[in-house]
Every structure is written in C-alpha cells, then in structure tokens.
Amino acid sequence: MGNTLRRPDGVTNDFLFYEDDRLVGFLAIYCFLSTEVEISGMVHPDSRRQGLFSQLSKAAIEECRRREIPKLIFINERGSHSGKAFLSSLGAQYGFSEYVMDLQEPVKLAPSSSDERVTIRPAQVTDTELLVTLNQSGFNMPEEDAREYVSQTMTGDKEWTWIAELGNRKVPIGKIGAMMEEGGRGLIYGFCVSPVVRGKGYGRQILRLTIEALQQDHDVTFIHLEVAVENEKALGLYESCGFKTKNANDYYELLLSSKAQQNKG
C-alpha cells in the first residue's frame, strides 16, 4: 500500500534493511492523522529471528517520538505468533481486529425506482464540509481528525473519493473511497452511509456502483477491503456483494505520550 500513498518530501516514513545489497526487510509508517500512525512491515523468511524487525521498529518509534506522534498502531497478521510476541514485548496492547475480504464475483442488483436510485460522483473541494460530517457520524471522529482525514484522502492520481446521492433530487447519503495498488489491485476504504438512511439497502447500491467504477473506469482487476470484526452488519453487506473473508489482521496500539494514555482511559 505504501507505493500508492503519497509520501511527503522531507519526512521519513519508510525504513529498509539490506544485507549484501539485497533488501531483506522493510517497515513503513502510514500517517492519516497527526494523532496516530499505522505501522506494518516484513522480513524475508531467510533473515528472520536475527533481530532485523526489532531494529526497524526501534528506528520507526524514534522517528515517531521525534515527530511527537502520540499513538502507534501496529498491524499484525492473524496467526503470526512471533509478531504477537514481539509486539507484546514492546508494550503494545491489542486494540481491535479487521477481516481482509476479497471480491469473488460481483452480485448483480435489481434496478431501483427513480426515487430510490443511488448514484455516485467524484467528490469536490466544495464537498469538504459534507465529508467532514459523514466522517464524524460514520467513524466517531472528532471534527479536527475528520478534517485532516478529508484533506489526506480526497485527491490523488490513484486515489478517489465518491459522494453517494439518492433520487432525482441528488440528496447526499454517504461517501466511499478507493485507491489503486500495484498490479491493478484496488482497495476500498472509508465507506459510510448517513445514519438517517441506514438499513434501507442503499449501502449495497453504493458498494456495487463503486465496484463498477473501479472495474470499468480505472481498469482495476482485483478488489479487496478490510472490515472490523465486530461490525457484523458491514460484514453481511460485503458478503452480499460478492466479497469473501480471506484473512484477519490484529491491530496493536503503542502509546508514546501521557496525553495518549489519558485519551485511552
């Protein structure tokens, strides 16, 4: 995912480990909000159990301390016992889990009436306040974080945000984002429907339109997403559109400041 995200100049977000001019390990920081970052990486199987990931993590943690980032979220693939043990040794605590889902065969939906028909369109700068409101209601974000998230995700050569609208009056009811990864892979993220219209089947229409847009307009050949384990309604929605669970990731949180500790409590 790091190759598709915009990496700002002058900021260290990628850490590489070489042995005899051969890349054997990497770790990347993904910063969507100023208050937290996500961290993931891997080491080549032939070079594991040598402390490489520990050195990479130490360098990343020091960089985050220098930038005064209060919370680090490490992504650990479900089933990686060595990763879990390492994160525990760092003092990181389990936070939540997400299913990794792949699109198998998209499910066709019956046509809707004009009054219930959903359309999607690319988000514009003029949609900023709408996107902030949707992020706040959909993800329980503080306003400051919601605004920062909008500024980070609205534009990009291979990153898109769509506004979902209902009926002939084009009433905004939700938003959804996606980005292009290597090899024609597409990642769907940031999907939420306005609370006032949830449970009416509009989410399924939005998701199906997004799949069509990625496949037809952006030549995406493979689509995947992540959904919180405890969100059974969202899981059912994605399954009804042709997604199947492939794996799960566990997220571990490491708090670097007293302020983060207070927010945690």
C-alpha atoms as a PDB file:
ATOM      1  CA  MET A   1       0.000   0.000   0.000  1.00  0.00           C
ATOM      2  CA  GLY A   2       2.930   2.317   0.596  1.00  0.00           C
ATOM      3  CA  ASN A   3       3.611   2.606  -3.147  1.00  0.00           C
ATOM      4  CA  THR A   4       0.178   4.080  -3.794  1.00  0.00           C
ATOM      5  CA  LEU A   5       0.043   6.548  -0.938  1.00  0.00           C
ATOM      6  CA  ARG A   6       1.531   9.999  -1.379  1.00  0.00           C
ATOM      7  CA  ARG A   7       4.798  10.050   0.572  1.00  0.00           C
ATOM      8  CA  PRO A   8       5.586  13.640   1.600  1.00  0.00           C
ATOM      9  CA  ASP A   9       9.034  15.037   0.882  1.00  0.00           C
ATOM     10  CA  GLY A  10      11.326  15.568   3.828  1.00  0.00           C
ATOM     11  CA  VAL A  11       9.522  13.076   6.097  1.00  0.00           C
ATOM     12  CA  THR A  12      10.907   9.622   6.899  1.00  0.00           C
ATOM     13  CA  ASN A  13       8.138   7.049   6.585  1.00  0.00           C
ATOM     14  CA  ASP A  14       9.954   4.065   5.048  1.00  0.00           C
ATOM     15  CA  PHE A  15      12.721   2.021   6.680  1.00  0.00           C
ATOM     16  CA  LEU A  16      14.735  -0.564   4.710  1.00  0.00           C
ATOM     17  CA  PHE A  17      17.213  -3.226   5.811  1.00  0.00           C
ATOM     18  CA  TYR A  18      19.801  -4.534   3.330  1.00  0.00           C
ATOM     19  CA  GLU A  19      22.180  -7.491   3.542  1.00  0.00           C
ATOM     20  CA  ASP A  20      24.868  -7.603   0.840  1.00  0.00           C
ATOM     21  CA  ASP A  21      22.904  -5.229  -1.388  1.00  0.00           C
ATOM     22  CA  ARG A  22      19.789  -7.391  -1.009  1.00  0.00           C
ATOM     23  CA  LEU A  23      16.634  -5.940   0.536  1.00  0.00           C
ATOM     24  CA  VAL A  24      15.593  -8.338   3.300  1.00  0.00           C
ATOM     25  CA  GLY A  25      13.319  -6.229   5.468  1.00  0.00           C
ATOM     26  CA  PHE A  26      11.186  -3.123   5.438  1.00  0.00           C
ATOM     27  CA  LEU A  27       8.872  -1.199   7.717  1.00  0.00           C
ATOM     28  CA  ALA A  28       6.521   1.614   6.725  1.00  0.00           C
ATOM     29  CA  ILE A  29       4.679   4.349   8.604  1.00  0.00           C
ATOM     30  CA  TYR A  30       1.268   5.341   7.227  1.00  0.00           C
ATOM     31  CA  CYS A  31       0.091   8.661   8.605  1.00  0.00           C
ATOM     32  CA  PHE A  32      -3.580   9.509   8.059  1.00  0.00           C
ATOM     33  CA  LEU A  33      -3.961  11.659  11.185  1.00  0.00           C
ATOM     34  CA  SER A  34      -1.499  13.763  13.170  1.00  0.00           C
ATOM     35  CA  THR A  35      -2.534  11.947  16.370  1.00  0.00           C
ATOM     36  CA  GLU A  36      -1.717   8.411  15.231  1.00  0.00           C
ATOM     37  CA  VAL A  37       0.061   6.314  12.606  1.00  0.00           C
ATOM     38  CA  GLU A  38      -0.254   2.758  11.344  1.00  0.00           C
ATOM     39  CA  ILE A  39       2.884   0.647  11.028  1.00  0.00           C
ATOM     40  CA  SER A  40       3.445  -2.544   9.051  1.00  0.00           C
ATOM     41  CA  GLY A  41       6.366  -4.380   7.538  1.00  0.00           C
ATOM     42  CA  MET A  42       8.024  -7.718   6.999  1.00  0.00           C
ATOM     43  CA  VAL A  43      11.343  -9.553   6.933  1.00  0.00           C
ATOM     44  CA  HIS A  44      12.410 -12.133   4.345  1.00  0.00           C
ATOM     45  CA  PRO A  45      11.958 -15.686   5.720  1.00  0.00           C
ATOM     46  CA  ASP A  46      15.674 -16.438   5.346  1.00  0.00           C
ATOM     47  CA  SER A  47      16.583 -13.451   7.519  1.00  0.00           C
ATOM     48  CA  ARG A  48      14.109 -13.841  10.361  1.00  0.00           C
ATOM     49  CA  ARG A  49      14.980 -14.391  14.031  1.00  0.00           C
ATOM     50  CA  GLN A  50      18.012 -12.117  13.695  1.00  0.00           C
ATOM     51  CA  GLY A  51      16.514  -9.017  15.287  1.00  0.00           C
ATOM     52  CA  LEU A  52      16.013  -7.156  11.999  1.00  0.00           C
ATOM     53  CA  PHE A  53      12.403  -6.220  12.613  1.00  0.00           C
ATOM     54  CA  SER A  54      13.299  -5.108  16.112  1.00  0.00           C
ATOM     55  CA  GLN A  55      15.873  -2.688  14.685  1.00  0.00           C
ATOM     56  CA  LEU A  56      13.425  -1.396  12.083  1.00  0.00           C
ATOM     57  CA  SER A  57      10.745  -0.891  14.741  1.00  0.00           C
ATOM     58  CA  LYS A  58      13.149   0.918  17.043  1.00  0.00           C
ATOM     59  CA  ALA A  59      14.044   3.336  14.247  1.00  0.00           C
ATOM     60  CA  ALA A  60      10.371   3.940  13.427  1.00  0.00           C
ATOM     61  CA  ILE A  61       9.445   4.506  17.077  1.00  0.00           C
ATOM     62  CA  GLU A  62      12.250   7.030  17.479  1.00  0.00           C
ATOM     63  CA  GLU A  63      11.041   8.845  14.362  1.00  0.00           C
ATOM     64  CA  CYS A  64       7.506   8.963  15.774  1.00  0.00           C
ATOM     65  CA  ARG A  65       8.813  10.290  19.084  1.00  0.00           C
ATOM     66  CA  ARG A  66      10.722  12.991  17.208  1.00  0.00           C
ATOM     67  CA  ARG A  67       7.508  13.961  15.387  1.00  0.00           C
ATOM     68  CA  GLU A  68       5.585  13.829  18.705  1.00  0.00           C
ATOM     69  CA  ILE A  69       3.044  11.330  17.401  1.00  0.00           C
ATOM     70  CA  PRO A  70       1.207  10.036  20.488  1.00  0.00           C
ATOM     71  CA  LYS A  71      -0.127   6.695  19.234  1.00  0.00           C
ATOM     72  CA  LEU A  72       1.326   3.940  17.056  1.00  0.00           C
ATOM     73  CA  ILE A  73      -0.876   1.175  15.659  1.00  0.00           C
ATOM     74  CA  PHE A  74       1.000  -1.967  14.573  1.00  0.00           C
ATOM     75  CA  ILE A  75      -0.713  -4.298  12.090  1.00  0.00           C
ATOM     76  CA  ASN A  76      -0.129  -7.997  12.777  1.00  0.00           C
ATOM     77  CA  GLU A  77      -1.494 -10.695  10.511  1.00  0.00           C
ATOM     78  CA  ARG A  78      -3.735 -13.127  12.379  1.00  0.00           C
ATOM     79  CA  GLY A  79      -1.805 -16.311  13.085  1.00  0.00           C
ATOM     80  CA  SER A  80       1.611 -14.664  13.340  1.00  0.00           C
ATOM     81  CA  HIS A  81       2.530 -15.743  16.867  1.00  0.00           C
ATOM     82  CA  SER A  82       6.049 -14.322  16.580  1.00  0.00           C
ATOM     83  CA  GLY A  83       4.618 -10.934  15.623  1.00  0.00           C
ATOM     84  CA  LYS A  84       2.221 -11.015  18.559  1.00  0.00           C
ATOM     85  CA  ALA A  85       5.038 -11.912  20.951  1.00  0.00           C
ATOM     86  CA  PHE A  86       7.242  -9.126  19.612  1.00  0.00           C
ATOM     87  CA  LEU A  87       4.504  -6.503  19.955  1.00  0.00           C
ATOM     88  CA  SER A  88       3.798  -7.654  23.496  1.00  0.00           C
ATOM     89  CA  SER A  89       7.489  -7.227  24.297  1.00  0.00           C
ATOM     90  CA  LEU A  90       7.234  -3.631  23.049  1.00  0.00           C
ATOM     91  CA  GLY A  91       4.377  -2.986  25.447  1.00  0.00           C
ATOM     92  CA  ALA A  92       1.788  -2.696  22.688  1.00  0.00           C
ATOM     93  CA  GLN A  93      -1.741  -3.775  23.639  1.00  0.00           C
ATOM     94  CA  TYR A  94      -4.360  -5.419  21.468  1.00  0.00           C
ATOM     95  CA  GLY A  95      -6.871  -2.886  20.175  1.00  0.00           C
ATOM     96  CA  PHE A  96      -9.123  -4.416  17.527  1.00  0.00           C
ATOM     97  CA  SER A  97      -9.221  -6.750  14.524  1.00  0.00           C
ATOM     98  CA  GLU A  98     -10.327  -6.477  10.912  1.00  0.00           C
ATOM     99  CA  TYR A  99     -11.275  -9.057   8.318  1.00  0.00           C
ATOM    100  CA  VAL A 100      -9.460  -8.932   4.997  1.00  0.00           C
ATOM    101  CA  MET A 101     -12.036  -9.558   2.265  1.00  0.00           C
ATOM    102  CA  ASP A 102     -11.534 -10.214  -1.461  1.00  0.00           C
ATOM    103  CA  LEU A 103     -14.129  -9.718  -4.172  1.00  0.00           C
ATOM    104  CA  GLN A 104     -15.008 -13.007  -5.839  1.00  0.00           C
ATOM    105  CA  GLU A 105     -17.880 -12.500  -8.296  1.00  0.00           C
ATOM    106  CA  PRO A 106     -19.877  -9.260  -8.004  1.00  0.00           C
ATOM    107  CA  VAL A 107     -23.565  -9.824  -7.283  1.00  0.00           C
ATOM    108  CA  LYS A 108     -25.955  -8.079  -9.663  1.00  0.00           C
ATOM    109  CA  LEU A 109     -28.639  -5.929  -8.052  1.00  0.00           C
ATOM    110  CA  ALA A 110     -32.201  -5.451  -9.211  1.00  0.00           C
ATOM    111  CA  PRO A 111     -32.859  -1.981 -10.718  1.00  0.00           C
ATOM    112  CA  SER A 112     -34.288   0.591  -8.311  1.00  0.00           C
ATOM    113  CA  SER A 113     -37.076   3.084  -8.901  1.00  0.00           C
ATOM    114  CA  SER A 114     -36.093   6.657  -9.748  1.00  0.00           C
ATOM    115  CA  ASP A 115     -37.000   7.768  -6.214  1.00  0.00           C
ATOM    116  CA  GLU A 116     -34.720   5.151  -4.648  1.00  0.00           C
ATOM    117  CA  ARG A 117     -31.977   5.146  -7.267  1.00  0.00           C
ATOM    118  CA  VAL A 118     -28.484   5.783  -5.918  1.00  0.00           C
ATOM    119  CA  THR A 119     -25.716   7.405  -7.949  1.00  0.00           C
ATOM    120  CA  ILE A 120     -22.112   8.239  -7.111  1.00  0.00           C
ATOM    121  CA  ARG A 121     -19.959  11.137  -8.284  1.00  0.00           C
ATOM    122  CA  PRO A 122     -16.367  12.232  -7.603  1.00  0.00           C
ATOM    123  CA  ALA A 123     -16.019  14.388  -4.510  1.00  0.00           C
ATOM    124  CA  GLN A 124     -15.037  18.025  -5.000  1.00  0.00           C
ATOM    125  CA  VAL A 125     -13.400  20.574  -2.718  1.00  0.00           C
ATOM    126  CA  THR A 126     -16.875  22.080  -2.225  1.00  0.00           C
ATOM    127  CA  ASP A 127     -17.893  18.784  -0.571  1.00  0.00           C
ATOM    128  CA  THR A 128     -15.415  19.230   2.274  1.00  0.00           C
ATOM    129  CA  GLU A 129     -17.981  20.083   4.959  1.00  0.00           C
ATOM    130  CA  LEU A 130     -20.217  17.207   3.847  1.00  0.00           C
ATOM    131  CA  LEU A 131     -17.290  14.771   4.008  1.00  0.00           C
ATOM    132  CA  VAL A 132     -16.306  16.046   7.459  1.00  0.00           C
ATOM    133  CA  THR A 133     -19.864  15.481   8.714  1.00  0.00           C
ATOM    134  CA  LEU A 134     -20.026  11.974   7.201  1.00  0.00           C
ATOM    135  CA  ASN A 135     -16.665  11.014   8.705  1.00  0.00           C
ATOM    136  CA  GLN A 136     -17.765  12.259  12.108  1.00  0.00           C
ATOM    137  CA  SER A 137     -21.029  10.306  12.046  1.00  0.00           C
ATOM    138  CA  GLY A 138     -19.636   7.227  10.327  1.00  0.00           C
ATOM    139  CA  PHE A 139     -16.410   6.734  12.254  1.00  0.00           C
ATOM    140  CA  ASN A 140     -16.970   8.666  15.502  1.00  0.00           C
ATOM    141  CA  MET A 141     -14.143  11.045  14.591  1.00  0.00           C
ATOM    142  CA  PRO A 142     -13.529  14.333  16.380  1.00  0.00           C
ATOM    143  CA  GLU A 143     -14.004  17.234  13.967  1.00  0.00           C
ATOM    144  CA  GLU A 144     -10.285  18.037  13.811  1.00  0.00           C
ATOM    145  CA  ASP A 145      -9.409  14.453  12.859  1.00  0.00           C
ATOM    146  CA  ALA A 146     -12.278  14.320  10.350  1.00  0.00           C
ATOM    147  CA  ARG A 147     -10.997  17.421   8.582  1.00  0.00           C
ATOM    148  CA  GLU A 148      -7.460  16.107   8.474  1.00  0.00           C
ATOM    149  CA  TYR A 149      -8.684  12.773   7.110  1.00  0.00           C
ATOM    150  CA  VAL A 150     -10.577  14.560   4.314  1.00  0.00           C
ATOM    151  CA  SER A 151      -7.506  16.570   3.339  1.00  0.00           C
ATOM    152  CA  GLN A 152      -5.410  13.385   3.242  1.00  0.00           C
ATOM    153  CA  THR A 153      -7.774  11.270   1.151  1.00  0.00           C
ATOM    154  CA  MET A 154      -9.820  13.446  -1.193  1.00  0.00           C
ATOM    155  CA  THR A 155      -7.358  13.786  -4.067  1.00  0.00           C
ATOM    156  CA  GLY A 156      -4.605  11.783  -5.704  1.00  0.00           C
ATOM    157  CA  ASP A 157      -3.587  10.306  -9.041  1.00  0.00           C
ATOM    158  CA  LYS A 158      -4.588   6.840  -7.902  1.00  0.00           C
ATOM    159  CA  GLU A 159      -6.907   7.655  -5.032  1.00  0.00           C
ATOM    160  CA  TRP A 160     -10.578   8.579  -5.269  1.00  0.00           C
ATOM    161  CA  THR A 161     -13.481   9.605  -3.055  1.00  0.00           C
ATOM    162  CA  TRP A 162     -17.090   9.447  -4.258  1.00  0.00           C
ATOM    163  CA  ILE A 163     -20.227  11.084  -2.877  1.00  0.00           C
ATOM    164  CA  ALA A 164     -23.352   8.891  -2.957  1.00  0.00           C
ATOM    165  CA  GLU A 165     -26.615  10.667  -3.808  1.00  0.00           C
ATOM    166  CA  LEU A 166     -30.231   9.498  -3.704  1.00  0.00           C
ATOM    167  CA  GLY A 167     -33.027  10.048  -6.218  1.00  0.00           C
ATOM    168  CA  ASN A 168     -33.641  12.794  -8.736  1.00  0.00           C
ATOM    169  CA  ARG A 169     -33.026  15.444  -6.080  1.00  0.00           C
ATOM    170  CA  LYS A 170     -29.458  14.145  -5.594  1.00  0.00           C
ATOM    171  CA  VAL A 171     -29.659  14.100  -1.800  1.00  0.00           C
ATOM    172  CA  PRO A 172     -26.211  13.157  -0.387  1.00  0.00           C
ATOM    173  CA  ILE A 173     -26.429   9.983   1.699  1.00  0.00           C
ATOM    174  CA  GLY A 174     -22.877   8.666   2.018  1.00  0.00           C
ATOM    175  CA  LYS A 175     -19.291   8.508   0.815  1.00  0.00           C
ATOM    176  CA  ILE A 176     -16.770   5.870  -0.169  1.00  0.00           C
ATOM    177  CA  GLY A 177     -13.075   5.889  -1.059  1.00  0.00           C
ATOM    178  CA  ALA A 178     -10.694   3.673  -3.012  1.00  0.00           C
ATOM    179  CA  MET A 179      -7.088   3.606  -4.137  1.00  0.00           C
ATOM    180  CA  MET A 180      -5.130   1.777  -6.817  1.00  0.00           C
ATOM    181  CA  GLU A 181      -2.381  -0.546  -5.666  1.00  0.00           C
ATOM    182  CA  GLU A 182       0.293  -2.365  -7.649  1.00  0.00           C
ATOM    183  CA  GLY A 183      -0.753  -4.899 -10.261  1.00  0.00           C
ATOM    184  CA  GLY A 184      -4.179  -3.396 -10.888  1.00  0.00           C
ATOM    185  CA  ARG A 185      -5.359  -4.043  -7.335  1.00  0.00           C
ATOM    186  CA  GLY A 186      -7.990  -1.792  -5.809  1.00  0.00           C
ATOM    187  CA  LEU A 187      -8.553  -1.140  -2.097  1.00  0.00           C
ATOM    188  CA  ILE A 188     -11.936   0.146  -0.906  1.00  0.00           C
ATOM    189  CA  TYR A 189     -11.945   2.123   2.342  1.00  0.00           C
ATOM    190  CA  GLY A 190     -13.669   4.973   4.186  1.00  0.00           C
ATOM    191  CA  PHE A 191     -17.200   3.755   3.404  1.00  0.00           C
ATOM    192  CA  CYS A 192     -20.078   5.174   5.407  1.00  0.00           C
ATOM    193  CA  VAL A 193     -23.794   5.836   4.950  1.00  0.00           C
ATOM    194  CA  SER A 194     -25.623   8.695   6.660  1.00  0.00           C
ATOM    195  CA  PRO A 195     -27.314   7.465   9.876  1.00  0.00           C
ATOM    196  CA  VAL A 196     -30.731   8.746   8.743  1.00  0.00           C
ATOM    197  CA  VAL A 197     -30.902   6.327   5.776  1.00  0.00           C
ATOM    198  CA  ARG A 198     -29.152   3.250   7.121  1.00  0.00           C
ATOM    199  CA  GLY A 199     -30.865  -0.119   6.899  1.00  0.00           C
ATOM    200  CA  LYS A 200     -32.640   0.631   3.605  1.00  0.00           C
ATOM    201  CA  GLY A 201     -30.292  -1.169   1.216  1.00  0.00           C
ATOM    202  CA  TYR A 202     -28.549   1.942  -0.073  1.00  0.00           C
ATOM    203  CA  GLY A 203     -25.146   0.763   1.145  1.00  0.00           C
ATOM    204  CA  ARG A 204     -25.349  -2.244  -1.166  1.00  0.00           C
ATOM    205  CA  GLN A 205     -26.089   0.023  -4.130  1.00  0.00           C
ATOM    206  CA  ILE A 206     -23.197   2.350  -3.267  1.00  0.00           C
ATOM    207  CA  LEU A 207     -20.771  -0.537  -2.975  1.00  0.00           C
ATOM    208  CA  ARG A 208     -21.901  -2.090  -6.251  1.00  0.00           C
ATOM    209  CA  LEU A 209     -21.535   1.230  -8.094  1.00  0.00           C
ATOM    210  CA  THR A 210     -18.043   1.643  -6.662  1.00  0.00           C
ATOM    211  CA  ILE A 211     -17.042  -1.809  -7.869  1.00  0.00           C
ATOM    212  CA  GLU A 212     -18.319  -0.934 -11.349  1.00  0.00           C
ATOM    213  CA  ALA A 213     -16.450   2.391 -11.351  1.00  0.00           C
ATOM    214  CA  LEU A 214     -13.178   0.716 -10.368  1.00  0.00           C
ATOM    215  CA  GLN A 215     -13.524  -2.052 -12.944  1.00  0.00           C
ATOM    216  CA  GLN A 216     -14.860  -0.004 -15.860  1.00  0.00           C
ATOM    217  CA  ASP A 217     -13.292   3.423 -15.375  1.00  0.00           C
ATOM    218  CA  HIS A 218      -9.984   2.541 -13.720  1.00  0.00           C
ATOM    219  CA  ASP A 219      -9.232  -0.967 -15.071  1.00  0.00           C
ATOM    220  CA  VAL A 220      -8.997  -2.493 -11.605  1.00  0.00           C
ATOM    221  CA  THR A 221      -8.750  -6.275 -11.866  1.00  0.00           C
ATOM    222  CA  PHE A 222      -8.773  -7.223  -8.180  1.00  0.00           C
ATOM    223  CA  ILE A 223     -10.642  -5.535  -5.307  1.00  0.00           C
ATOM    224  CA  HIS A 224     -10.251  -6.024  -1.576  1.00  0.00           C
ATOM    225  CA  LEU A 225     -11.147  -4.270   1.658  1.00  0.00           C
ATOM    226  CA  GLU A 226     -10.973  -4.557   5.430  1.00  0.00           C
ATOM    227  CA  VAL A 227     -13.890  -4.538   7.845  1.00  0.00           C
ATOM    228  CA  ALA A 228     -13.933  -4.506  11.646  1.00  0.00           C
ATOM    229  CA  VAL A 229     -14.540  -7.941  13.127  1.00  0.00           C
ATOM    230  CA  GLU A 230     -17.291  -6.686  15.452  1.00  0.00           C
ATOM    231  CA  ASN A 231     -19.169  -4.972  12.625  1.00  0.00           C
ATOM    232  CA  GLU A 232     -21.428  -7.873  11.637  1.00  0.00           C
ATOM    233  CA  LYS A 233     -23.810  -5.693   9.610  1.00  0.00           C
ATOM    234  CA  ALA A 234     -20.981  -4.411   7.427  1.00  0.00           C
ATOM    235  CA  LEU A 235     -19.632  -7.946   7.062  1.00  0.00           C
ATOM    236  CA  GLY A 236     -23.017  -9.130   5.805  1.00  0.00           C
ATOM    237  CA  LEU A 237     -23.233  -6.196   3.390  1.00  0.00           C
ATOM    238  CA  TYR A 238     -19.889  -7.012   1.800  1.00  0.00           C
ATOM    239  CA  GLU A 239     -20.678 -10.722   1.604  1.00  0.00           C
ATOM    240  CA  SER A 240     -23.968  -9.940  -0.158  1.00  0.00           C
ATOM    241  CA  CYS A 241     -21.983  -8.045  -2.825  1.00  0.00           C
ATOM    242  CA  GLY A 242     -19.607 -10.933  -3.531  1.00  0.00           C
ATOM    243  CA  PHE A 243     -16.775 -10.429  -1.024  1.00  0.00           C
ATOM    244  CA  LYS A 244     -15.319 -13.392   0.862  1.00  0.00           C
ATOM    245  CA  THR A 245     -13.201 -13.353   4.011  1.00  0.00           C
ATOM    246  CA  LYS A 246      -9.574 -14.236   3.271  1.00  0.00           C
ATOM    247  CA  ASN A 247      -7.730 -13.428   6.465  1.00  0.00           C
ATOM    248  CA  ALA A 248      -7.745 -11.188   9.507  1.00  0.00           C
ATOM    249  CA  ASN A 249      -5.369  -8.555  10.878  1.00  0.00           C
ATOM    250  CA  ASP A 250      -4.959  -7.723  14.545  1.00  0.00           C
ATOM    251  CA  TYR A 251      -4.131  -4.142  15.483  1.00  0.00           C
ATOM    252  CA  TYR A 252      -1.922  -3.419  18.494  1.00  0.00           C
ATOM    253  CA  GLU A 253      -1.620   0.060  19.994  1.00  0.00           C
ATOM    254  CA  LEU A 254       1.524   1.554  21.484  1.00  0.00           C
ATOM    255  CA  LEU A 255       1.004   4.850  23.325  1.00  0.00           C
ATOM    256  CA  LEU A 256       4.004   7.166  23.382  1.00  0.00           C
ATOM    257  CA  SER A 257       2.698  10.087  25.425  1.00  0.00           C
ATOM    258  CA  SER A 258       0.799  10.769  28.629  1.00  0.00           C
ATOM    259  CA  LYS A 259      -1.852  12.571  26.564  1.00  0.00           C
ATOM    260  CA  ALA A 260      -2.481   9.408  24.563  1.00  0.00           C
ATOM    261  CA  GLN A 261      -2.683   7.441  27.790  1.00  0.00           C
ATOM    262  CA  GLN A 262      -5.357   9.834  29.088  1.00  0.00           C
ATOM    263  CA  ASN A 263      -7.364   9.567  25.837  1.00  0.00           C
ATOM    264  CA  LYS A 264      -7.114   5.784  26.048  1.00  0.00           C
ATOM    265  CA  GLY A 265      -8.550   5.822  29.532  1.00  0.00           C
END
